[in-house]
Amino acid sequence: GEFQSMEETILLNEHADWSMSQGVIEVVICKETYEKATRFCPEKKEIYLKGNRPRLLCQKHSSPFSRFKEK
């Protein structure tokens, strides 16, 4: 992975043994809505401060039928 700091791109070694700081959590979110993932969402993991994590469940993928577009 990488992150931006001012105008500099910092590359991170994904194989390095990083310890997570207190107050930081990893949350599974929906790739499309960035809300808390349901079991029907396309998922990705993001890191948040505990007080800033998504709290609402994704409404776009709230049921198994949500993958079918309405006509």
Protein backbone atom coordinates (compact mmCIF):
# COMPACT_ATOMS: atom_id res chain seq x y z
CA GLY A 1 0.00 0.00 0.00
CA GLU A 2 0.88 3.64 0.00
CA PHE A 3 -0.22 6.95 1.45
CA GLN A 4 0.31 10.61 0.68
CA SER A 5 2.12 12.96 3.04
CA MET A 6 2.11 16.49 1.70
CA GLU A 7 3.46 16.06 -1.84
CA GLU A 8 5.36 12.84 -1.09
CA THR A 9 4.06 9.31 -1.72
CA ILE A 10 5.14 6.87 0.99
CA LEU A 11 5.24 3.20 -0.02
CA LEU A 12 4.50 0.67 2.71
CA ASN A 13 5.90 -2.85 2.90
CA GLU A 14 2.86 -5.12 3.19
CA HIS A 15 5.05 -7.89 4.61
CA ALA A 16 6.36 -5.77 7.50
CA ASP A 17 5.06 -6.67 10.95
CA TRP A 18 3.02 -3.61 11.91
CA SER A 19 1.32 -3.44 15.27
CA MET A 20 -2.00 -1.62 15.37
CA SER A 21 -2.14 1.30 17.79
CA GLN A 22 -4.73 1.42 20.54
CA GLY A 23 -7.90 3.11 19.36
CA VAL A 24 -7.37 1.98 15.76
CA ILE A 25 -9.52 -0.80 14.30
CA GLU A 26 -9.89 -2.64 11.01
CA VAL A 27 -13.45 -2.66 9.62
CA VAL A 28 -14.95 -4.56 6.68
CA ILE A 29 -16.78 -2.04 4.51
CA CYS A 30 -18.70 -2.08 1.24
CA LYS A 31 -16.44 -1.23 -1.72
CA GLU A 32 -19.22 0.77 -3.37
CA THR A 33 -20.90 2.73 -0.55
CA TYR A 34 -18.10 2.79 2.08
CA GLU A 35 -20.70 1.89 4.71
CA LYS A 36 -20.41 -1.08 7.06
CA ALA A 37 -20.61 -4.20 4.87
CA THR A 38 -23.48 -6.65 4.88
CA ARG A 39 -22.89 -10.23 3.82
CA PHE A 40 -24.09 -9.29 0.32
CA CYS A 41 -21.60 -6.45 -0.25
CA PRO A 42 -18.44 -6.48 -2.31
CA GLU A 43 -16.00 -6.08 0.58
CA LYS A 44 -12.76 -4.37 1.43
CA LYS A 45 -11.00 -3.67 4.73
CA GLU A 46 -10.20 -0.17 5.93
CA ILE A 47 -8.55 1.14 9.07
CA TYR A 48 -10.36 3.70 11.25
CA LEU A 49 -10.07 5.41 14.59
CA LYS A 50 -12.63 3.74 16.86
CA GLY A 51 -14.83 6.82 17.07
CA ASN A 52 -14.83 7.41 13.30
CA ARG A 53 -15.76 3.99 11.94
CA PRO A 54 -18.85 3.56 9.74
CA ARG A 55 -21.84 2.66 11.87
CA LEU A 56 -24.65 2.32 9.33
CA LEU A 57 -25.06 -0.90 7.38
CA CYS A 58 -24.99 -0.64 3.61
CA GLN A 59 -28.54 -0.21 2.29
CA LYS A 60 -27.60 -0.80 -1.35
CA HIS A 61 -26.70 -4.44 -0.63
CA SER A 62 -29.11 -5.18 2.21
CA SER A 63 -30.59 -8.37 0.73
CA PRO A 64 -29.60 -11.20 -1.62
CA PHE A 65 -31.85 -9.64 -4.28
CA SER A 66 -30.00 -6.31 -4.26
CA ARG A 67 -27.60 -7.57 -6.91
CA PHE A 68 -30.47 -7.56 -9.43
CA LYS A 69 -31.19 -4.17 -10.96
CA GLU A 70 -34.76 -2.91 -10.92
CA LYS A 71 -36.33 -2.34 -14.33
